[in-house]
Amino acid sequence: MPGPDRRTVLTGLASAAVLWPAPALAHHGWSWTSPEFFSLTGDLVDIYIGNPHATLDLDVSGVVWRVELAPLARTLGAGFDDDVVALGAEITAIGHRSLDPVEARMKAVRVIVGETVYDVYPERAAGIPAA
């Protein structure tokens, strides 16, 4: 039984190449966030240190917020990993919340655990307003 012709295979590969990066491009970046800084303090209920970027889940008054950090290399470069915090610890995240007001999600620029500050986006952290 003959296989697909060359044109069919090339068309399929071209389509896959065009469609494959779309979810990654939509997911990364800052376009989904508000331009204003936002601060959130809650108790750590889950942590993921890995690719494409680290995430924290914080319980804030009964609502679990997803806090997205920088890509793995930047997060680790800031000194933040799963050894510096334990589940249940209070964490403050400063960054930009989702443009969707009902979505409990933000992208952090700075994470504070106790007295220790981790700037996962140091170039953006310079713009955090003084408290």
N, C-alpha and C. Protein backbone atom coordinates (compact mmCIF):
# COMPACT_ATOMS: atom_id res chain seq x y z
N MET A 1 0.84 -1.17 0.00
CA MET A 1 0.00 0.00 0.00
C MET A 1 0.89 1.24 0.00
N PRO A 2 0.71 2.15 -0.93
CA PRO A 2 1.56 3.33 -1.00
C PRO A 2 1.25 4.30 0.14
N GLY A 3 2.29 5.03 0.57
CA GLY A 3 2.14 6.02 1.65
C GLY A 3 1.66 7.34 1.08
N PRO A 4 1.56 8.35 1.91
CA PRO A 4 1.12 9.67 1.45
C PRO A 4 2.14 10.27 0.48
N ASP A 5 1.64 11.09 -0.44
CA ASP A 5 2.57 11.71 -1.38
C ASP A 5 3.37 12.81 -0.69
N ARG A 6 4.42 13.23 -1.34
CA ARG A 6 5.35 14.20 -0.74
C ARG A 6 4.65 15.52 -0.41
N ARG A 7 3.76 15.99 -1.25
CA ARG A 7 3.06 17.26 -1.02
C ARG A 7 2.21 17.18 0.25
N THR A 8 1.56 16.06 0.48
CA THR A 8 0.74 15.88 1.68
C THR A 8 1.60 15.92 2.94
N VAL A 9 2.76 15.24 2.88
CA VAL A 9 3.66 15.24 4.02
C VAL A 9 4.19 16.64 4.30
N LEU A 10 4.64 17.34 3.26
CA LEU A 10 5.18 18.69 3.45
C LEU A 10 4.11 19.66 3.96
N THR A 11 2.90 19.54 3.46
CA THR A 11 1.81 20.40 3.94
C THR A 11 1.53 20.13 5.41
N GLY A 12 1.53 18.87 5.79
CA GLY A 12 1.31 18.51 7.20
C GLY A 12 2.40 19.05 8.10
N LEU A 13 3.66 18.92 7.67
CA LEU A 13 4.78 19.43 8.47
C LEU A 13 4.74 20.95 8.59
N ALA A 14 4.41 21.63 7.50
CA ALA A 14 4.32 23.09 7.53
C ALA A 14 3.20 23.54 8.47
N SER A 15 2.08 22.86 8.44
CA SER A 15 0.97 23.20 9.32
C SER A 15 1.36 22.99 10.78
N ALA A 16 2.03 21.90 11.06
CA ALA A 16 2.45 21.62 12.44
C ALA A 16 3.44 22.68 12.92
N ALA A 17 4.35 23.11 12.06
CA ALA A 17 5.33 24.11 12.44
C ALA A 17 4.68 25.45 12.75
N VAL A 18 3.63 25.79 12.02
CA VAL A 18 2.94 27.05 12.24
C VAL A 18 2.10 26.99 13.52
N LEU A 19 1.43 25.90 13.77
CA LEU A 19 0.52 25.79 14.91
C LEU A 19 1.22 25.47 16.22
N TRP A 20 2.31 24.74 16.21
CA TRP A 20 2.94 24.27 17.43
C TRP A 20 3.36 25.39 18.39
N PRO A 21 4.04 26.46 17.95
CA PRO A 21 4.48 27.46 18.91
C PRO A 21 3.37 28.35 19.45
N ALA A 22 2.19 28.33 18.88
CA ALA A 22 1.14 29.26 19.28
C ALA A 22 0.82 29.22 20.77
N PRO A 23 0.63 28.05 21.40
CA PRO A 23 0.32 28.06 22.83
C PRO A 23 1.47 28.64 23.66
N ALA A 24 2.69 28.35 23.30
CA ALA A 24 3.83 28.86 24.06
C ALA A 24 3.91 30.38 23.94
N LEU A 25 3.68 30.91 22.75
CA LEU A 25 3.74 32.35 22.57
C LEU A 25 2.63 33.04 23.34
N ALA A 26 1.46 32.45 23.38
CA ALA A 26 0.34 33.05 24.10
C ALA A 26 0.57 33.00 25.60
N HIS A 27 1.29 31.99 26.07
CA HIS A 27 1.46 31.77 27.50
C HIS A 27 2.53 32.67 28.11
N HIS A 28 3.61 32.89 27.39
CA HIS A 28 4.73 33.65 27.94
C HIS A 28 4.58 35.12 27.64
N GLY A 29 5.40 35.91 28.29
CA GLY A 29 5.36 37.35 28.07
C GLY A 29 4.52 38.03 29.14
N TRP A 30 4.26 39.31 28.91
CA TRP A 30 3.58 40.14 29.90
C TRP A 30 2.25 40.68 29.39
N SER A 31 1.89 40.38 28.16
CA SER A 31 0.70 40.99 27.56
C SER A 31 -0.60 40.65 28.29
N TRP A 32 -0.61 39.57 29.05
CA TRP A 32 -1.82 39.17 29.77
C TRP A 32 -1.93 39.82 31.14
N THR A 33 -0.91 40.65 31.50
CA THR A 33 -0.88 41.24 32.83
C THR A 33 -1.21 42.73 32.80
N SER A 34 -1.66 43.22 33.95
CA SER A 34 -1.93 44.64 34.14
C SER A 34 -0.61 45.39 34.23
N PRO A 35 -0.54 46.62 33.76
CA PRO A 35 0.72 47.36 33.85
C PRO A 35 1.05 47.83 35.27
N GLU A 36 0.05 47.92 36.16
CA GLU A 36 0.29 48.38 37.52
C GLU A 36 0.87 47.26 38.37
N PHE A 37 1.72 47.65 39.33
CA PHE A 37 2.24 46.66 40.27
C PHE A 37 1.12 46.23 41.21
N PHE A 38 1.24 45.00 41.68
CA PHE A 38 0.23 44.36 42.52
C PHE A 38 0.97 43.54 43.56
N SER A 39 0.52 43.58 44.81
CA SER A 39 1.15 42.82 45.87
C SER A 39 0.16 41.84 46.46
N LEU A 40 0.64 40.65 46.75
CA LEU A 40 -0.21 39.56 47.23
C LEU A 40 0.55 38.82 48.33
N THR A 41 -0.11 38.57 49.46
CA THR A 41 0.51 37.81 50.54
C THR A 41 -0.40 36.65 50.90
N GLY A 42 0.19 35.46 50.95
CA GLY A 42 -0.59 34.27 51.28
C GLY A 42 0.30 33.13 51.73
N ASP A 43 -0.34 32.03 52.06
CA ASP A 43 0.37 30.84 52.52
C ASP A 43 0.62 29.90 51.35
N LEU A 44 1.84 29.39 51.25
CA LEU A 44 2.23 28.50 50.16
C LEU A 44 1.53 27.15 50.29
N VAL A 45 0.76 26.79 49.24
CA VAL A 45 0.09 25.49 49.23
C VAL A 45 0.67 24.55 48.18
N ASP A 46 1.42 25.11 47.21
CA ASP A 46 2.07 24.26 46.21
C ASP A 46 3.20 25.06 45.57
N ILE A 47 4.22 24.34 45.14
CA ILE A 47 5.36 24.97 44.49
C ILE A 47 5.83 24.06 43.36
N TYR A 48 6.19 24.69 42.24
CA TYR A 48 6.77 23.96 41.11
C TYR A 48 7.99 24.74 40.66
N ILE A 49 9.14 24.11 40.71
CA ILE A 49 10.38 24.71 40.21
C ILE A 49 10.80 23.88 39.01
N GLY A 50 10.52 24.40 37.83
CA GLY A 50 10.83 23.67 36.61
C GLY A 50 10.50 24.51 35.40
N ASN A 51 10.60 23.89 34.24
CA ASN A 51 10.31 24.57 32.98
C ASN A 51 8.84 24.47 32.65
N PRO A 52 8.24 25.40 31.96
CA PRO A 52 8.91 26.55 31.36
C PRO A 52 9.21 27.66 32.37
N HIS A 53 8.52 27.69 33.50
CA HIS A 53 8.83 28.64 34.56
C HIS A 53 8.29 28.10 35.87
N ALA A 54 8.84 28.61 36.95
CA ALA A 54 8.40 28.18 38.28
C ALA A 54 7.04 28.79 38.59
N THR A 55 6.28 28.10 39.44
CA THR A 55 5.00 28.63 39.89
C THR A 55 4.83 28.37 41.39
N LEU A 56 4.07 29.25 42.00
CA LEU A 56 3.68 29.10 43.39
C LEU A 56 2.16 29.18 43.44
N ASP A 57 1.55 28.41 44.31
CA ASP A 57 0.12 28.55 44.58
C ASP A 57 0.01 29.05 46.01
N LEU A 58 -0.61 30.22 46.18
CA LEU A 58 -0.75 30.85 47.48
C LEU A 58 -2.21 30.91 47.88
N ASP A 59 -2.50 30.49 49.10
CA ASP A 59 -3.84 30.60 49.65
C ASP A 59 -3.95 31.99 50.28
N VAL A 60 -4.81 32.81 49.69
CA VAL A 60 -5.03 34.17 50.16
C VAL A 60 -6.49 34.27 50.58
N SER A 61 -6.73 34.19 51.87
CA SER A 61 -8.09 34.27 52.41
C SER A 61 -9.03 33.27 51.76
N GLY A 62 -8.56 32.04 51.56
CA GLY A 62 -9.39 30.98 51.00
C GLY A 62 -9.42 30.89 49.49
N VAL A 63 -8.78 31.82 48.81
CA VAL A 63 -8.68 31.79 47.35
C VAL A 63 -7.25 31.42 46.98
N VAL A 64 -7.08 30.40 46.15
CA VAL A 64 -5.74 29.99 45.74
C VAL A 64 -5.35 30.77 44.49
N TRP A 65 -4.27 31.52 44.62
CA TRP A 65 -3.72 32.32 43.53
C TRP A 65 -2.55 31.59 42.90
N ARG A 66 -2.50 31.57 41.60
CA ARG A 66 -1.34 31.05 40.87
C ARG A 66 -0.38 32.21 40.66
N VAL A 67 0.84 32.07 41.14
CA VAL A 67 1.88 33.08 40.99
C VAL A 67 2.94 32.50 40.07
N GLU A 68 3.08 33.09 38.90
CA GLU A 68 4.07 32.64 37.94
C GLU A 68 5.36 33.42 38.17
N LEU A 69 6.46 32.69 38.21
CA LEU A 69 7.77 33.31 38.37
C LEU A 69 8.46 33.37 37.01
N ALA A 70 9.73 33.65 37.02
CA ALA A 70 10.51 33.75 35.79
C ALA A 70 10.81 32.35 35.25
N PRO A 71 11.35 32.27 34.02
CA PRO A 71 11.83 30.98 33.54
C PRO A 71 12.82 30.38 34.54
N LEU A 72 12.99 29.09 34.47
CA LEU A 72 13.75 28.35 35.46
C LEU A 72 15.13 28.94 35.74
N ALA A 73 15.91 29.22 34.72
CA ALA A 73 17.28 29.72 34.93
C ALA A 73 17.28 31.05 35.68
N ARG A 74 16.35 31.93 35.36
CA ARG A 74 16.28 33.23 36.04
C ARG A 74 15.83 33.06 37.49
N THR A 75 14.86 32.19 37.72
CA THR A 75 14.37 31.95 39.08
C THR A 75 15.48 31.40 39.95
N LEU A 76 16.18 30.39 39.45
CA LEU A 76 17.30 29.81 40.20
C LEU A 76 18.43 30.82 40.36
N GLY A 77 18.68 31.62 39.33
CA GLY A 77 19.72 32.64 39.40
C GLY A 77 19.44 33.69 40.47
N ALA A 78 18.16 33.91 40.77
CA ALA A 78 17.79 34.84 41.83
C ALA A 78 17.95 34.22 43.21
N GLY A 79 18.28 32.91 43.23
CA GLY A 79 18.46 32.22 44.50
C GLY A 79 17.21 31.55 45.03
N PHE A 80 16.13 31.59 44.25
CA PHE A 80 14.87 31.01 44.71
C PHE A 80 14.74 29.59 44.18
N ASP A 81 14.58 28.64 45.10
CA ASP A 81 14.27 27.27 44.73
C ASP A 81 13.41 26.66 45.83
N ASP A 82 13.06 25.40 45.70
CA ASP A 82 12.14 24.79 46.66
C ASP A 82 12.80 24.49 48.00
N ASP A 83 14.11 24.75 48.14
CA ASP A 83 14.79 24.58 49.42
C ASP A 83 14.68 25.82 50.31
N VAL A 84 14.26 26.96 49.76
CA VAL A 84 14.23 28.19 50.55
C VAL A 84 12.88 28.45 51.20
N VAL A 85 11.91 27.59 50.91
CA VAL A 85 10.56 27.80 51.44
C VAL A 85 9.88 26.45 51.66
N ALA A 86 9.03 26.41 52.67
CA ALA A 86 8.29 25.19 52.98
C ALA A 86 6.80 25.44 52.77
N LEU A 87 6.07 24.38 52.47
CA LEU A 87 4.62 24.50 52.36
C LEU A 87 4.08 25.10 53.65
N GLY A 88 3.13 26.00 53.52
CA GLY A 88 2.55 26.66 54.67
C GLY A 88 3.21 27.99 55.01
N ALA A 89 4.38 28.25 54.44
CA ALA A 89 5.08 29.51 54.71
C ALA A 89 4.33 30.69 54.12
N GLU A 90 4.43 31.83 54.80
CA GLU A 90 3.83 33.05 54.26
C GLU A 90 4.78 33.66 53.24
N ILE A 91 4.23 33.99 52.09
CA ILE A 91 5.01 34.55 50.98
C ILE A 91 4.31 35.81 50.49
N THR A 92 5.10 36.81 50.18
CA THR A 92 4.58 37.99 49.50
C THR A 92 5.14 37.99 48.09
N ALA A 93 4.26 38.17 47.12
CA ALA A 93 4.67 38.27 45.72
C ALA A 93 4.27 39.65 45.22
N ILE A 94 5.19 40.29 44.53
CA ILE A 94 4.92 41.60 43.95
C ILE A 94 5.17 41.49 42.46
N GLY A 95 4.20 41.94 41.69
CA GLY A 95 4.32 41.85 40.24
C GLY A 95 3.10 42.44 39.57
N HIS A 96 2.56 41.70 38.62
CA HIS A 96 1.44 42.19 37.83
C HIS A 96 0.36 41.12 37.75
N ARG A 97 -0.86 41.49 38.10
CA ARG A 97 -1.96 40.53 38.08
C ARG A 97 -2.54 40.39 36.67
N SER A 98 -3.32 39.35 36.49
CA SER A 98 -3.98 39.11 35.21
C SER A 98 -4.91 40.26 34.87
N LEU A 99 -5.00 40.57 33.59
CA LEU A 99 -5.97 41.57 33.12
C LEU A 99 -7.41 41.12 33.36
N ASP A 100 -7.62 39.81 33.43
CA ASP A 100 -8.95 39.26 33.69
C ASP A 100 -9.21 39.38 35.20
N PRO A 101 -10.13 40.23 35.61
CA PRO A 101 -10.33 40.48 37.04
C PRO A 101 -10.84 39.28 37.84
N VAL A 102 -11.37 38.27 37.19
CA VAL A 102 -11.84 37.10 37.93
C VAL A 102 -10.79 35.99 37.98
N GLU A 103 -9.69 36.17 37.28
CA GLU A 103 -8.63 35.16 37.28
C GLU A 103 -7.65 35.45 38.42
N ALA A 104 -7.49 34.48 39.31
CA ALA A 104 -6.58 34.62 40.45
C ALA A 104 -5.18 34.18 40.01
N ARG A 105 -4.54 35.03 39.23
CA ARG A 105 -3.23 34.72 38.67
C ARG A 105 -2.42 35.99 38.53
N MET A 106 -1.14 35.88 38.81
CA MET A 106 -0.24 37.01 38.64
C MET A 106 1.13 36.53 38.18
N LYS A 107 1.90 37.45 37.66
CA LYS A 107 3.29 37.18 37.28
C LYS A 107 4.16 37.99 38.22
N ALA A 108 4.97 37.29 39.02
CA ALA A 108 5.77 37.95 40.05
C ALA A 108 7.07 38.49 39.48
N VAL A 109 7.45 39.64 40.00
CA VAL A 109 8.74 40.26 39.73
C VAL A 109 9.65 40.02 40.94
N ARG A 110 9.02 40.05 42.13
CA ARG A 110 9.74 39.88 43.39
C ARG A 110 8.95 38.92 44.28
N VAL A 111 9.68 38.06 44.99
CA VAL A 111 9.10 37.14 45.96
C VAL A 111 9.82 37.38 47.29
N ILE A 112 9.04 37.50 48.36
CA ILE A 112 9.63 37.74 49.67
C ILE A 112 9.22 36.60 50.60
N VAL A 113 10.22 35.95 51.17
CA VAL A 113 10.02 34.86 52.13
C VAL A 113 10.71 35.29 53.42
N GLY A 114 9.92 35.57 54.46
CA GLY A 114 10.51 36.09 55.70
C GLY A 114 11.15 37.43 55.41
N GLU A 115 12.42 37.55 55.67
CA GLU A 115 13.17 38.79 55.43
C GLU A 115 13.97 38.74 54.12
N THR A 116 13.87 37.62 53.41
CA THR A 116 14.69 37.44 52.21
C THR A 116 13.90 37.82 50.95
N VAL A 117 14.52 38.64 50.12
CA VAL A 117 13.92 39.13 48.89
C VAL A 117 14.57 38.43 47.70
N TYR A 118 13.74 37.92 46.80
CA TYR A 118 14.20 37.27 45.57
C TYR A 118 13.63 38.05 44.39
N ASP A 119 14.48 38.75 43.68
CA ASP A 119 14.05 39.47 42.48
C ASP A 119 14.26 38.57 41.27
N VAL A 120 13.18 37.95 40.82
CA VAL A 120 13.30 37.03 39.68
C VAL A 120 13.33 37.80 38.35
N TYR A 121 12.91 39.04 38.38
CA TYR A 121 13.05 39.97 37.24
C TYR A 121 13.67 41.26 37.79
N PRO A 122 14.98 41.27 38.07
CA PRO A 122 15.59 42.43 38.72
C PRO A 122 15.44 43.74 37.93
N GLU A 123 15.44 43.66 36.61
CA GLU A 123 15.30 44.87 35.82
C GLU A 123 13.92 45.50 35.99
N ARG A 124 12.91 44.70 36.27
CA ARG A 124 11.57 45.21 36.53
C ARG A 124 11.39 45.59 38.00
N ALA A 125 12.11 44.91 38.89
CA ALA A 125 11.97 45.17 40.32
C ALA A 125 12.37 46.59 40.68
N ALA A 126 13.24 47.19 39.87
CA ALA A 126 13.66 48.58 40.13
C ALA A 126 12.46 49.53 40.08
N GLY A 127 11.39 49.15 39.41
CA GLY A 127 10.20 50.00 39.29
C GLY A 127 9.15 49.79 40.36
N ILE A 128 9.40 48.87 41.30
CA ILE A 128 8.41 48.63 42.36
C ILE A 128 8.34 49.86 43.26
N PRO A 129 7.13 50.39 43.45
CA PRO A 129 7.00 51.57 44.31
C PRO A 129 7.42 51.26 45.75
N ALA A 130 8.01 52.24 46.41
CA ALA A 130 8.41 52.08 47.81
C ALA A 130 7.17 51.88 48.68
N ALA A 131 7.29 51.03 49.68
CA ALA A 131 6.14 50.75 50.55
C ALA A 131 5.93 51.83 51.56
